[in-house]
Amino acid sequence: MTVRHNYSVLLRPLSESDGGGWVAIVPDLPGCLSDGATPMEALENVGGAIEAWIAAARKHQHPIPRPDDFIDLTFSQALPDEMKRQAEQIARQMHNLQPWERPDQELLSAIYAEMARTTIRRAHLS
């Protein structure tokens, strides 16, 4: 049985070098994401990831964040080059990577999601 959750989900395309398709990221649940060949498939698959994330949090007695309601805007799925550069710079600093080392894609996805959340929050507070 699939439980319906009210968590906001960010969808973005994956590059061909990352296997193509789409990734669905749940900003309120750190590290919770899924993918699919199409945006709808990624969105359907992330439901299972949300359930697994919540089950693991309960098992380990960690708090379960309430869904934020601030992500109700539609925005371009294309990430601006400047956002990509900033996210990679943050990832490199977090893991002391050399300039030629590629950051982990899941880490970059989490950073993109947090940057998007911050941008949207600022837009709602202005």
PDB file of N, CA and C in Angstrom:
ATOM      1  N   MET A   1       0.841  -1.185   0.000  1.00  0.00           N
ATOM      2  CA  MET A   1       0.000   0.000   0.000  1.00  0.00           C
ATOM      3  C   MET A   1       0.881   1.241   0.000  1.00  0.00           C
ATOM      4  N   THR A   2       0.624   2.144  -0.897  1.00  0.00           N
ATOM      5  CA  THR A   2       1.378   3.390  -0.977  1.00  0.00           C
ATOM      6  C   THR A   2       0.649   4.463  -0.174  1.00  0.00           C
ATOM      7  N   VAL A   3       1.409   5.128   0.691  1.00  0.00           N
ATOM      8  CA  VAL A   3       0.858   6.206   1.503  1.00  0.00           C
ATOM      9  C   VAL A   3       1.135   7.519   0.798  1.00  0.00           C
ATOM     10  N   ARG A   4       0.162   8.403   0.764  1.00  0.00           N
ATOM     11  CA  ARG A   4       0.343   9.707   0.123  1.00  0.00           C
ATOM     12  C   ARG A   4       0.940  10.670   1.123  1.00  0.00           C
ATOM     13  N   HIS A   5       2.024  11.312   0.713  1.00  0.00           N
ATOM     14  CA  HIS A   5       2.700  12.279   1.570  1.00  0.00           C
ATOM     15  C   HIS A   5       2.597  13.660   0.946  1.00  0.00           C
ATOM     16  N   ASN A   6       2.699  14.676   1.753  1.00  0.00           N
ATOM     17  CA  ASN A   6       2.594  16.044   1.261  1.00  0.00           C
ATOM     18  C   ASN A   6       3.939  16.744   1.165  1.00  0.00           C
ATOM     19  N   TYR A   7       5.003  15.982   1.001  1.00  0.00           N
ATOM     20  CA  TYR A   7       6.323  16.583   0.874  1.00  0.00           C
ATOM     21  C   TYR A   7       6.505  17.144  -0.533  1.00  0.00           C
ATOM     22  N   SER A   8       7.132  18.307  -0.594  1.00  0.00           N
ATOM     23  CA  SER A   8       7.452  18.896  -1.896  1.00  0.00           C
ATOM     24  C   SER A   8       8.566  18.075  -2.536  1.00  0.00           C
ATOM     25  N   VAL A   9       8.516  17.974  -3.845  1.00  0.00           N
ATOM     26  CA  VAL A   9       9.508  17.210  -4.588  1.00  0.00           C
ATOM     27  C   VAL A   9      10.047  18.092  -5.703  1.00  0.00           C
ATOM     28  N   LEU A  10      11.365  18.134  -5.820  1.00  0.00           N
ATOM     29  CA  LEU A  10      12.001  18.850  -6.923  1.00  0.00           C
ATOM     30  C   LEU A  10      12.381  17.832  -7.996  1.00  0.00           C
ATOM     31  N   LEU A  11      12.045  18.125  -9.229  1.00  0.00           N
ATOM     32  CA  LEU A  11      12.398  17.258 -10.355  1.00  0.00           C
ATOM     33  C   LEU A  11      13.422  17.968 -11.227  1.00  0.00           C
ATOM     34  N   ARG A  12      14.425  17.219 -11.647  1.00  0.00           N
ATOM     35  CA  ARG A  12      15.378  17.798 -12.579  1.00  0.00           C
ATOM     36  C   ARG A  12      15.924  16.707 -13.491  1.00  0.00           C
ATOM     37  N   PRO A  13      16.255  17.071 -14.726  1.00  0.00           N
ATOM     38  CA  PRO A  13      16.779  16.066 -15.650  1.00  0.00           C
ATOM     39  C   PRO A  13      18.204  15.677 -15.279  1.00  0.00           C
ATOM     40  N   LEU A  14      18.542  14.433 -15.555  1.00  0.00           N
ATOM     41  CA  LEU A  14      19.906  13.954 -15.375  1.00  0.00           C
ATOM     42  C   LEU A  14      20.618  14.012 -16.723  1.00  0.00           C
ATOM     43  N   SER A  15      21.879  14.352 -16.696  1.00  0.00           N
ATOM     44  CA  SER A  15      22.642  14.401 -17.942  1.00  0.00           C
ATOM     45  C   SER A  15      22.841  12.981 -18.477  1.00  0.00           C
ATOM     46  N   GLU A  16      23.161  12.883 -19.739  1.00  0.00           N
ATOM     47  CA  GLU A  16      23.424  11.574 -20.343  1.00  0.00           C
ATOM     48  C   GLU A  16      24.594  10.894 -19.645  1.00  0.00           C
ATOM     49  N   SER A  17      25.598  11.677 -19.213  1.00  0.00           N
ATOM     50  CA  SER A  17      26.743  11.081 -18.517  1.00  0.00           C
ATOM     51  C   SER A  17      26.346  10.505 -17.158  1.00  0.00           C
ATOM     52  N   ASP A  18      25.222  10.973 -16.596  1.00  0.00           N
ATOM     53  CA  ASP A  18      24.707  10.435 -15.335  1.00  0.00           C
ATOM     54  C   ASP A  18      23.649   9.360 -15.571  1.00  0.00           C
ATOM     55  N   GLY A  19      23.484   8.940 -16.816  1.00  0.00           N
ATOM     56  CA  GLY A  19      22.542   7.876 -17.126  1.00  0.00           C
ATOM     57  C   GLY A  19      21.229   8.334 -17.722  1.00  0.00           C
ATOM     58  N   GLY A  20      21.044   9.660 -17.829  1.00  0.00           N
ATOM     59  CA  GLY A  20      19.803  10.186 -18.398  1.00  0.00           C
ATOM     60  C   GLY A  20      18.629   9.996 -17.455  1.00  0.00           C
ATOM     61  N   GLY A  21      17.461  10.372 -17.893  1.00  0.00           N
ATOM     62  CA  GLY A  21      16.262  10.273 -17.075  1.00  0.00           C
ATOM     63  C   GLY A  21      16.103  11.479 -16.177  1.00  0.00           C
ATOM     64  N   TRP A  22      15.418  11.265 -15.065  1.00  0.00           N
ATOM     65  CA  TRP A  22      15.079  12.351 -14.145  1.00  0.00           C
ATOM     66  C   TRP A  22      15.350  11.945 -12.712  1.00  0.00           C
ATOM     67  N   VAL A  23      15.664  12.920 -11.875  1.00  0.00           N
ATOM     68  CA  VAL A  23      15.828  12.675 -10.452  1.00  0.00           C
ATOM     69  C   VAL A  23      14.757  13.473  -9.706  1.00  0.00           C
ATOM     70  N   ALA A  24      14.184  12.846  -8.691  1.00  0.00           N
ATOM     71  CA  ALA A  24      13.187  13.490  -7.821  1.00  0.00           C
ATOM     72  C   ALA A  24      13.823  13.610  -6.441  1.00  0.00           C
ATOM     73  N   ILE A  25      13.889  14.832  -5.915  1.00  0.00           N
ATOM     74  CA  ILE A  25      14.558  15.120  -4.652  1.00  0.00           C
ATOM     75  C   ILE A  25      13.528  15.652  -3.660  1.00  0.00           C
ATOM     76  N   VAL A  26      13.577  15.158  -2.425  1.00  0.00           N
ATOM     77  CA  VAL A  26      12.672  15.610  -1.367  1.00  0.00           C
ATOM     78  C   VAL A  26      13.495  16.489  -0.418  1.00  0.00           C
ATOM     79  N   PRO A  27      13.445  17.816  -0.586  1.00  0.00           N
ATOM     80  CA  PRO A  27      14.298  18.701   0.206  1.00  0.00           C
ATOM     81  C   PRO A  27      14.076  18.609   1.716  1.00  0.00           C
ATOM     82  N   ASP A  28      12.865  18.292   2.152  1.00  0.00           N
ATOM     83  CA  ASP A  28      12.587  18.226   3.589  1.00  0.00           C
ATOM     84  C   ASP A  28      13.188  16.997   4.259  1.00  0.00           C
ATOM     85  N   LEU A  29      13.546  15.986   3.471  1.00  0.00           N
ATOM     86  CA  LEU A  29      14.096  14.739   4.003  1.00  0.00           C
ATOM     87  C   LEU A  29      15.500  14.558   3.423  1.00  0.00           C
ATOM     88  N   PRO A  30      16.533  15.025   4.119  1.00  0.00           N
ATOM     89  CA  PRO A  30      17.901  14.999   3.580  1.00  0.00           C
ATOM     90  C   PRO A  30      18.309  13.621   3.054  1.00  0.00           C
ATOM     91  N   GLY A  31      18.780  13.629   1.812  1.00  0.00           N
ATOM     92  CA  GLY A  31      19.238  12.403   1.180  1.00  0.00           C
ATOM     93  C   GLY A  31      18.136  11.579   0.551  1.00  0.00           C
ATOM     94  N   CYS A  32      16.886  12.011   0.659  1.00  0.00           N
ATOM     95  CA  CYS A  32      15.764  11.259   0.100  1.00  0.00           C
ATOM     96  C   CYS A  32      15.565  11.665  -1.356  1.00  0.00           C
ATOM     97  N   LEU A  33      15.802  10.715  -2.256  1.00  0.00           N
ATOM     98  CA  LEU A  33      15.623  10.977  -3.682  1.00  0.00           C
ATOM     99  C   LEU A  33      15.403   9.673  -4.408  1.00  0.00           C
ATOM    100  N   SER A  34      14.947   9.783  -5.622  1.00  0.00           N
ATOM    101  CA  SER A  34      14.751   8.624  -6.475  1.00  0.00           C
ATOM    102  C   SER A  34      14.877   9.096  -7.915  1.00  0.00           C
ATOM    103  N   ASP A  35      14.848   8.170  -8.845  1.00  0.00           N
ATOM    104  CA  ASP A  35      14.950   8.575 -10.241  1.00  0.00           C
ATOM    105  C   ASP A  35      14.004   7.756 -11.092  1.00  0.00           C
ATOM    106  N   GLY A  36      13.953   8.106 -12.360  1.00  0.00           N
ATOM    107  CA  GLY A  36      13.111   7.398 -13.310  1.00  0.00           C
ATOM    108  C   GLY A  36      13.417   7.856 -14.717  1.00  0.00           C
ATOM    109  N   ALA A  37      12.930   7.121 -15.676  1.00  0.00           N
ATOM    110  CA  ALA A  37      13.180   7.462 -17.079  1.00  0.00           C
ATOM    111  C   ALA A  37      12.438   8.733 -17.488  1.00  0.00           C
ATOM    112  N   THR A  38      11.298   8.989 -16.849  1.00  0.00           N
ATOM    113  CA  THR A  38      10.499  10.176 -17.146  1.00  0.00           C
ATOM    114  C   THR A  38      10.250  10.937 -15.847  1.00  0.00           C
ATOM    115  N   PRO A  39       9.819  12.198 -15.941  1.00  0.00           N
ATOM    116  CA  PRO A  39       9.498  12.929 -14.708  1.00  0.00           C
ATOM    117  C   PRO A  39       8.419  12.212 -13.886  1.00  0.00           C
ATOM    118  N   MET A  40       7.389  11.672 -14.540  1.00  0.00           N
ATOM    119  CA  MET A  40       6.314  10.980 -13.818  1.00  0.00           C
ATOM    120  C   MET A  40       6.816   9.720 -13.135  1.00  0.00           C
ATOM    121  N   GLU A  41       7.692   8.990 -13.803  1.00  0.00           N
ATOM    122  CA  GLU A  41       8.242   7.769 -13.205  1.00  0.00           C
ATOM    123  C   GLU A  41       9.093   8.116 -11.983  1.00  0.00           C
ATOM    124  N   ALA A  42       9.899   9.174 -12.082  1.00  0.00           N
ATOM    125  CA  ALA A  42      10.709   9.607 -10.939  1.00  0.00           C
ATOM    126  C   ALA A  42       9.810  10.022  -9.783  1.00  0.00           C
ATOM    127  N   LEU A  43       8.732  10.728 -10.097  1.00  0.00           N
ATOM    128  CA  LEU A  43       7.794  11.177  -9.070  1.00  0.00           C
ATOM    129  C   LEU A  43       7.089   9.984  -8.410  1.00  0.00           C
ATOM    130  N   GLU A  44       6.707   8.997  -9.203  1.00  0.00           N
ATOM    131  CA  GLU A  44       6.091   7.791  -8.640  1.00  0.00           C
ATOM    132  C   GLU A  44       7.080   7.033  -7.762  1.00  0.00           C
ATOM    133  N   ASN A  45       8.332   6.925  -8.211  1.00  0.00           N
ATOM    134  CA  ASN A  45       9.341   6.166  -7.476  1.00  0.00           C
ATOM    135  C   ASN A  45       9.725   6.836  -6.161  1.00  0.00           C
ATOM    136  N   VAL A  46       9.664   8.160  -6.106  1.00  0.00           N
ATOM    137  CA  VAL A  46      10.099   8.851  -4.892  1.00  0.00           C
ATOM    138  C   VAL A  46       9.139   8.583  -3.731  1.00  0.00           C
ATOM    139  N   GLY A  47       7.903   8.185  -4.021  1.00  0.00           N
ATOM    140  CA  GLY A  47       6.970   7.835  -2.948  1.00  0.00           C
ATOM    141  C   GLY A  47       7.516   6.715  -2.074  1.00  0.00           C
ATOM    142  N   GLY A  48       8.102   5.709  -2.705  1.00  0.00           N
ATOM    143  CA  GLY A  48       8.715   4.605  -1.960  1.00  0.00           C
ATOM    144  C   GLY A  48       9.927   5.066  -1.161  1.00  0.00           C
ATOM    145  N   ALA A  49      10.684   6.004  -1.735  1.00  0.00           N
ATOM    146  CA  ALA A  49      11.858   6.535  -1.027  1.00  0.00           C
ATOM    147  C   ALA A  49      11.423   7.318   0.220  1.00  0.00           C
ATOM    148  N   ILE A  50      10.317   8.054   0.098  1.00  0.00           N
ATOM    149  CA  ILE A  50       9.795   8.805   1.249  1.00  0.00           C
ATOM    150  C   ILE A  50       9.371   7.831   2.355  1.00  0.00           C
ATOM    151  N   GLU A  51       8.646   6.785   1.976  1.00  0.00           N
ATOM    152  CA  GLU A  51       8.201   5.802   2.961  1.00  0.00           C
ATOM    153  C   GLU A  51       9.391   5.137   3.641  1.00  0.00           C
ATOM    154  N   ALA A  52      10.417   4.778   2.862  1.00  0.00           N
ATOM    155  CA  ALA A  52      11.611   4.135   3.427  1.00  0.00           C
ATOM    156  C   ALA A  52      12.356   5.097   4.353  1.00  0.00           C
ATOM    157  N   TRP A  53      12.440   6.377   3.969  1.00  0.00           N
ATOM    158  CA  TRP A  53      13.131   7.378   4.784  1.00  0.00           C
ATOM    159  C   TRP A  53      12.421   7.507   6.132  1.00  0.00           C
ATOM    160  N   ILE A  54      11.096   7.621   6.098  1.00  0.00           N
ATOM    161  CA  ILE A  54      10.315   7.788   7.331  1.00  0.00           C
ATOM    162  C   ILE A  54      10.423   6.531   8.203  1.00  0.00           C
ATOM    163  N   ALA A  55      10.360   5.351   7.596  1.00  0.00           N
ATOM    164  CA  ALA A  55      10.480   4.100   8.356  1.00  0.00           C
ATOM    165  C   ALA A  55      11.840   4.009   9.051  1.00  0.00           C
ATOM    166  N   ALA A  56      12.900   4.392   8.335  1.00  0.00           N
ATOM    167  CA  ALA A  56      14.243   4.358   8.937  1.00  0.00           C
ATOM    168  C   ALA A  56      14.360   5.366  10.075  1.00  0.00           C
ATOM    169  N   ALA A  57      13.783   6.544   9.891  1.00  0.00           N
ATOM    170  CA  ALA A  57      13.826   7.563  10.950  1.00  0.00           C
ATOM    171  C   ALA A  57      13.093   7.065  12.193  1.00  0.00           C
ATOM    172  N   ARG A  58      11.934   6.439  11.998  1.00  0.00           N
ATOM    173  CA  ARG A  58      11.183   5.895  13.141  1.00  0.00           C
ATOM    174  C   ARG A  58      11.966   4.792  13.843  1.00  0.00           C
ATOM    175  N   LYS A  59      12.561   3.905  13.052  1.00  0.00           N
ATOM    176  CA  LYS A  59      13.320   2.780  13.610  1.00  0.00           C
ATOM    177  C   LYS A  59      14.455   3.278  14.502  1.00  0.00           C
ATOM    178  N   HIS A  60      15.115   4.345  14.062  1.00  0.00           N
ATOM    179  CA  HIS A  60      16.258   4.877  14.809  1.00  0.00           C
ATOM    180  C   HIS A  60      15.863   6.021  15.746  1.00  0.00           C
ATOM    181  N   GLN A  61      14.562   6.232  15.891  1.00  0.00           N
ATOM    182  CA  GLN A  61      14.007   7.250  16.778  1.00  0.00           C
ATOM    183  C   GLN A  61      14.533   8.657  16.465  1.00  0.00           C
ATOM    184  N   HIS A  62      14.641   8.937  15.171  1.00  0.00           N
ATOM    185  CA  HIS A  62      15.024  10.272  14.724  1.00  0.00           C
ATOM    186  C   HIS A  62      13.752  11.070  14.426  1.00  0.00           C
ATOM    187  N   PRO A  63      13.808  12.375  14.596  1.00  0.00           N
ATOM    188  CA  PRO A  63      12.614  13.174  14.288  1.00  0.00           C
ATOM    189  C   PRO A  63      12.304  13.141  12.789  1.00  0.00           C
ATOM    190  N   ILE A  64      11.031  13.206  12.484  1.00  0.00           N
ATOM    191  CA  ILE A  64      10.584  13.230  11.089  1.00  0.00           C
ATOM    192  C   ILE A  64      10.128  14.655  10.788  1.00  0.00           C
ATOM    193  N   PRO A  65      10.831  15.328   9.882  1.00  0.00           N
ATOM    194  CA  PRO A  65      10.461  16.715   9.569  1.00  0.00           C
ATOM    195  C   PRO A  65       9.045  16.797   9.008  1.00  0.00           C
ATOM    196  N   ARG A  66       8.339  17.837   9.397  1.00  0.00           N
ATOM    197  CA  ARG A  66       7.029  18.108   8.815  1.00  0.00           C
ATOM    198  C   ARG A  66       7.241  18.668   7.414  1.00  0.00           C
ATOM    199  N   PRO A  67       6.332  18.389   6.513  1.00  0.00           N
ATOM    200  CA  PRO A  67       6.471  18.957   5.156  1.00  0.00           C
ATOM    201  C   PRO A  67       6.364  20.484   5.200  1.00  0.00           C
ATOM    202  N   ASP A  68       7.286  21.141   4.509  1.00  0.00           N
ATOM    203  CA  ASP A  68       7.184  22.589   4.342  1.00  0.00           C
ATOM    204  C   ASP A  68       6.157  22.856   3.262  1.00  0.00           C
ATOM    205  N   ASP A  69       5.475  23.987   3.367  1.00  0.00           N
ATOM    206  CA  ASP A  69       4.490  24.315   2.344  1.00  0.00           C
ATOM    207  C   ASP A  69       4.926  25.482   1.476  1.00  0.00           C
ATOM    208  N   PHE A  70       6.216  25.809   1.565  1.00  0.00           N
ATOM    209  CA  PHE A  70       6.662  26.984   0.831  1.00  0.00           C
ATOM    210  C   PHE A  70       7.049  26.689  -0.610  1.00  0.00           C
ATOM    211  N   ILE A  71       7.251  25.435  -0.969  1.00  0.00           N
ATOM    212  CA  ILE A  71       7.632  25.146  -2.344  1.00  0.00           C
ATOM    213  C   ILE A  71       6.352  24.921  -3.145  1.00  0.00           C
ATOM    214  N   ASP A  72       5.747  26.024  -3.564  1.00  0.00           N
ATOM    215  CA  ASP A  72       4.529  25.922  -4.352  1.00  0.00           C
ATOM    216  C   ASP A  72       4.657  26.718  -5.642  1.00  0.00           C
ATOM    217  N   LEU A  73       5.892  26.981  -6.019  1.00  0.00           N
ATOM    218  CA  LEU A  73       6.151  27.748  -7.232  1.00  0.00           C
ATOM    219  C   LEU A  73       6.623  26.819  -8.338  1.00  0.00           C
ATOM    220  N   THR A  74       6.359  27.184  -9.546  1.00  0.00           N
ATOM    221  CA  THR A  74       6.886  26.452 -10.681  1.00  0.00           C
ATOM    222  C   THR A  74       8.115  27.195 -11.166  1.00  0.00           C
ATOM    223  N   PHE A  75       9.183  26.467 -11.400  1.00  0.00           N
ATOM    224  CA  PHE A  75      10.398  27.115 -11.884  1.00  0.00           C
ATOM    225  C   PHE A  75      11.084  26.194 -12.878  1.00  0.00           C
ATOM    226  N   SER A  76      11.976  26.760 -13.642  1.00  0.00           N
ATOM    227  CA  SER A  76      12.666  26.009 -14.681  1.00  0.00           C
ATOM    228  C   SER A  76      13.437  24.841 -14.073  1.00  0.00           C
ATOM    229  N   GLN A  77      13.394  23.701 -14.744  1.00  0.00           N
ATOM    230  CA  GLN A  77      14.135  22.537 -14.264  1.00  0.00           C
ATOM    231  C   GLN A  77      15.618  22.628 -14.623  1.00  0.00           C
ATOM    232  N   ALA A  78      15.953  23.517 -15.537  1.00  0.00           N
ATOM    233  CA  ALA A  78      17.351  23.674 -15.910  1.00  0.00           C
ATOM    234  C   ALA A  78      18.073  24.447 -14.803  1.00  0.00           C
ATOM    235  N   LEU A  79      19.187  23.906 -14.369  1.00  0.00           N
ATOM    236  CA  LEU A  79      19.957  24.577 -13.329  1.00  0.00           C
ATOM    237  C   LEU A  79      20.885  25.602 -13.972  1.00  0.00           C
ATOM    238  N   PRO A  80      20.855  26.817 -13.496  1.00  0.00           N
ATOM    239  CA  PRO A  80      21.764  27.817 -14.045  1.00  0.00           C
ATOM    240  C   PRO A  80      23.219  27.398 -13.813  1.00  0.00           C
ATOM    241  N   ASP A  81      24.080  27.736 -14.766  1.00  0.00           N
ATOM    242  CA  ASP A  81      25.499  27.379 -14.650  1.00  0.00           C
ATOM    243  C   ASP A  81      26.105  27.889 -13.351  1.00  0.00           C
ATOM    244  N   GLU A  82      25.706  29.075 -12.915  1.00  0.00           N
ATOM    245  CA  GLU A  82      26.259  29.634 -11.676  1.00  0.00           C
ATOM    246  C   GLU A  82      25.875  28.767 -10.482  1.00  0.00           C
ATOM    247  N   MET A  83      24.647  28.250 -10.465  1.00  0.00           N
ATOM    248  CA  MET A  83      24.222  27.372  -9.368  1.00  0.00           C
ATOM    249  C   MET A  83      25.043  26.084  -9.374  1.00  0.00           C
ATOM    250  N   LYS A  84      25.303  25.540 -10.552  1.00  0.00           N
ATOM    251  CA  LYS A  84      26.122  24.330 -10.662  1.00  0.00           C
ATOM    252  C   LYS A  84      27.523  24.589 -10.119  1.00  0.00           C
ATOM    253  N   ARG A  85      28.111  25.716 -10.499  1.00  0.00           N
ATOM    254  CA  ARG A  85      29.463  26.058 -10.018  1.00  0.00           C
ATOM    255  C   ARG A  85      29.478  26.203  -8.501  1.00  0.00           C
ATOM    256  N   GLN A  86      28.479  26.887  -7.958  1.00  0.00           N
ATOM    257  CA  GLN A  86      28.425  27.080  -6.508  1.00  0.00           C
ATOM    258  C   GLN A  86      28.260  25.742  -5.783  1.00  0.00           C
ATOM    259  N   ALA A  87      27.391  24.880  -6.296  1.00  0.00           N
ATOM    260  CA  ALA A  87      27.165  23.580  -5.661  1.00  0.00           C
ATOM    261  C   ALA A  87      28.429  22.736  -5.693  1.00  0.00           C
ATOM    262  N   GLU A  88      29.121  22.732  -6.830  1.00  0.00           N
ATOM    263  CA  GLU A  88      30.364  21.955  -6.919  1.00  0.00           C
ATOM    264  C   GLU A  88      31.428  22.515  -5.978  1.00  0.00           C
ATOM    265  N   GLN A  89      31.484  23.817  -5.865  1.00  0.00           N
ATOM    266  CA  GLN A  89      32.446  24.439  -4.954  1.00  0.00           C
ATOM    267  C   GLN A  89      32.149  24.044  -3.502  1.00  0.00           C
ATOM    268  N   ILE A  90      30.882  24.063  -3.119  1.00  0.00           N
ATOM    269  CA  ILE A  90      30.483  23.650  -1.767  1.00  0.00           C
ATOM    270  C   ILE A  90      30.856  22.188  -1.535  1.00  0.00           C
ATOM    271  N   ALA A  91      30.549  21.323  -2.512  1.00  0.00           N
ATOM    272  CA  ALA A  91      30.857  19.892  -2.379  1.00  0.00           C
ATOM    273  C   ALA A  91      32.356  19.665  -2.263  1.00  0.00           C
ATOM    274  N   ARG A  92      33.137  20.381  -3.054  1.00  0.00           N
ATOM    275  CA  ARG A  92      34.598  20.239  -2.992  1.00  0.00           C
ATOM    276  C   ARG A  92      35.130  20.650  -1.615  1.00  0.00           C
ATOM    277  N   GLN A  93      34.600  21.752  -1.086  1.00  0.00           N
ATOM    278  CA  GLN A  93      35.034  22.212   0.234  1.00  0.00           C
ATOM    279  C   GLN A  93      34.645  21.211   1.314  1.00  0.00           C
ATOM    280  N   MET A  94      33.438  20.632   1.211  1.00  0.00           N
ATOM    281  CA  MET A  94      32.965  19.687   2.221  1.00  0.00           C
ATOM    282  C   MET A  94      33.827  18.435   2.276  1.00  0.00           C
ATOM    283  N   HIS A  95      34.355  18.014   1.139  1.00  0.00           N
ATOM    284  CA  HIS A  95      35.100  16.759   1.073  1.00  0.00           C
ATOM    285  C   HIS A  95      36.566  16.943   0.689  1.00  0.00           C
ATOM    286  N   ASN A  96      37.050  18.176   0.759  1.00  0.00           N
ATOM    287  CA  ASN A  96      38.459  18.469   0.444  1.00  0.00           C
ATOM    288  C   ASN A  96      38.905  17.828  -0.866  1.00  0.00           C
ATOM    289  N   LEU A  97      38.098  18.010  -1.910  1.00  0.00           N
ATOM    290  CA  LEU A  97      38.406  17.426  -3.214  1.00  0.00           C
ATOM    291  C   LEU A  97      39.386  18.303  -3.979  1.00  0.00           C
ATOM    292  N   GLN A  98      40.196  17.644  -4.760  1.00  0.00           N
ATOM    293  CA  GLN A  98      41.100  18.355  -5.655  1.00  0.00           C
ATOM    294  C   GLN A  98      40.293  18.862  -6.853  1.00  0.00           C
ATOM    295  N   PRO A  99      40.787  19.895  -7.539  1.00  0.00           N
ATOM    296  CA  PRO A  99      40.023  20.476  -8.664  1.00  0.00           C
ATOM    297  C   PRO A  99      39.623  19.469  -9.742  1.00  0.00           C
ATOM    298  N   TRP A 100      40.388  18.424  -9.948  1.00  0.00           N
ATOM    299  CA  TRP A 100      40.082  17.462 -11.007  1.00  0.00           C
ATOM    300  C   TRP A 100      39.146  16.333 -10.534  1.00  0.00           C
ATOM    301  N   GLU A 101      38.873  16.258  -9.241  1.00  0.00           N
ATOM    302  CA  GLU A 101      37.993  15.218  -8.717  1.00  0.00           C
ATOM    303  C   GLU A 101      36.532  15.642  -8.827  1.00  0.00           C
ATOM    304  N   ARG A 102      35.675  14.732  -9.310  1.00  0.00           N
ATOM    305  CA  ARG A 102      34.256  15.031  -9.461  1.00  0.00           C
ATOM    306  C   ARG A 102      33.521  14.772  -8.148  1.00  0.00           C
ATOM    307  N   PRO A 103      32.696  15.722  -7.726  1.00  0.00           N
ATOM    308  CA  PRO A 103      31.881  15.488  -6.516  1.00  0.00           C
ATOM    309  C   PRO A 103      30.816  14.427  -6.773  1.00  0.00           C
ATOM    310  N   ASP A 104      30.404  13.751  -5.731  1.00  0.00           N
ATOM    311  CA  ASP A 104      29.352  12.744  -5.779  1.00  0.00           C
ATOM    312  C   ASP A 104      28.048  13.389  -6.250  1.00  0.00           C
ATOM    313  N   GLN A 105      27.351  12.749  -7.178  1.00  0.00           N
ATOM    314  CA  GLN A 105      26.125  13.321  -7.747  1.00  0.00           C
ATOM    315  C   GLN A 105      24.993  13.421  -6.730  1.00  0.00           C
ATOM    316  N   GLU A 106      24.906  12.480  -5.798  1.00  0.00           N
ATOM    317  CA  GLU A 106      23.862  12.578  -4.770  1.00  0.00           C
ATOM    318  C   GLU A 106      24.104  13.770  -3.859  1.00  0.00           C
ATOM    319  N   LEU A 107      25.366  14.010  -3.549  1.00  0.00           N
ATOM    320  CA  LEU A 107      25.704  15.177  -2.737  1.00  0.00           C
ATOM    321  C   LEU A 107      25.346  16.454  -3.497  1.00  0.00           C
ATOM    322  N   LEU A 108      25.688  16.500  -4.780  1.00  0.00           N
ATOM    323  CA  LEU A 108      25.343  17.688  -5.575  1.00  0.00           C
ATOM    324  C   LEU A 108      23.832  17.877  -5.632  1.00  0.00           C
ATOM    325  N   SER A 109      23.080  16.792  -5.775  1.00  0.00           N
ATOM    326  CA  SER A 109      21.616  16.898  -5.809  1.00  0.00           C
ATOM    327  C   SER A 109      21.088  17.477  -4.506  1.00  0.00           C
ATOM    328  N   ALA A 110      21.651  17.030  -3.395  1.00  0.00           N
ATOM    329  CA  ALA A 110      21.214  17.557  -2.092  1.00  0.00           C
ATOM    330  C   ALA A 110      21.548  19.040  -1.975  1.00  0.00           C
ATOM    331  N   ILE A 111      22.709  19.433  -2.485  1.00  0.00           N
ATOM    332  CA  ILE A 111      23.105  20.843  -2.436  1.00  0.00           C
ATOM    333  C   ILE A 111      22.203  21.675  -3.344  1.00  0.00           C
ATOM    334  N   TYR A 112      21.910  21.165  -4.554  1.00  0.00           N
ATOM    335  CA  TYR A 112      20.995  21.879  -5.455  1.00  0.00           C
ATOM    336  C   TYR A 112      19.652  22.092  -4.756  1.00  0.00           C
ATOM    337  N   ALA A 113      19.149  21.028  -4.120  1.00  0.00           N
ATOM    338  CA  ALA A 113      17.843  21.117  -3.460  1.00  0.00           C
ATOM    339  C   ALA A 113      17.864  22.161  -2.360  1.00  0.00           C
ATOM    340  N   GLU A 114      18.919  22.168  -1.566  1.00  0.00           N
ATOM    341  CA  GLU A 114      18.994  23.146  -0.474  1.00  0.00           C
ATOM    342  C   GLU A 114      19.106  24.568  -1.022  1.00  0.00           C
ATOM    343  N   MET A 115      19.860  24.737  -2.102  1.00  0.00           N
ATOM    344  CA  MET A 115      19.971  26.060  -2.720  1.00  0.00           C
ATOM    345  C   MET A 115      18.610  26.508  -3.258  1.00  0.00           C
ATOM    346  N   ALA A 116      17.866  25.577  -3.863  1.00  0.00           N
ATOM    347  CA  ALA A 116      16.534  25.915  -4.380  1.00  0.00           C
ATOM    348  C   ALA A 116      15.601  26.286  -3.235  1.00  0.00           C
ATOM    349  N   ARG A 117      15.639  25.517  -2.152  1.00  0.00           N
ATOM    350  CA  ARG A 117      14.790  25.821  -0.996  1.00  0.00           C
ATOM    351  C   ARG A 117      15.098  27.209  -0.451  1.00  0.00           C
ATOM    352  N   THR A 118      16.379  27.517  -0.327  1.00  0.00           N
ATOM    353  CA  THR A 118      16.785  28.823   0.203  1.00  0.00           C
ATOM    354  C   THR A 118      16.302  29.940  -0.703  1.00  0.00           C
ATOM    355  N   THR A 119      16.443  29.760  -2.009  1.00  0.00           N
ATOM    356  CA  THR A 119      16.002  30.766  -2.974  1.00  0.00           C
ATOM    357  C   THR A 119      14.490  30.974  -2.870  1.00  0.00           C
ATOM    358  N   ILE A 120      13.754  29.876  -2.785  1.00  0.00           N
ATOM    359  CA  ILE A 120      12.294  29.979  -2.722  1.00  0.00           C
ATOM    360  C   ILE A 120      11.855  30.603  -1.404  1.00  0.00           C
ATOM    361  N   ARG A 121      12.507  30.207  -0.314  1.00  0.00           N
ATOM    362  CA  ARG A 121      12.180  30.805   0.998  1.00  0.00           C
ATOM    363  C   ARG A 121      12.387  32.320   0.954  1.00  0.00           C
ATOM    364  N   ARG A 122      13.512  32.736   0.384  1.00  0.00           N
ATOM    365  CA  ARG A 122      13.793  34.175   0.290  1.00  0.00           C
ATOM    366  C   ARG A 122      12.730  34.886  -0.531  1.00  0.00           C
ATOM    367  N   ALA A 123      12.292  34.229  -1.598  1.00  0.00           N
ATOM    368  CA  ALA A 123      11.260  34.828  -2.469  1.00  0.00           C
ATOM    369  C   ALA A 123       9.947  34.979  -1.699  1.00  0.00           C
ATOM    370  N   HIS A 124       9.626  34.016  -0.855  1.00  0.00           N
ATOM    371  CA  HIS A 124       8.383  34.068  -0.083  1.00  0.00           C
ATOM    372  C   HIS A 124       8.461  35.076   1.048  1.00  0.00           C
ATOM    373  N   LEU A 125       9.656  35.338   1.553  1.00  0.00           N
ATOM    374  CA  LEU A 125       9.809  36.286   2.668  1.00  0.00           C
ATOM    375  C   LEU A 125       9.901  37.716   2.206  1.00  0.00           C
ATOM    376  N   SER A 126      10.166  37.932   0.915  1.00  0.00           N
ATOM    377  CA  SER A 126      10.298  39.310   0.421  1.00  0.00           C
ATOM    378  C   SER A 126       8.971  39.968   0.238  1.00  0.00           C
TER     379      SER A 126
END
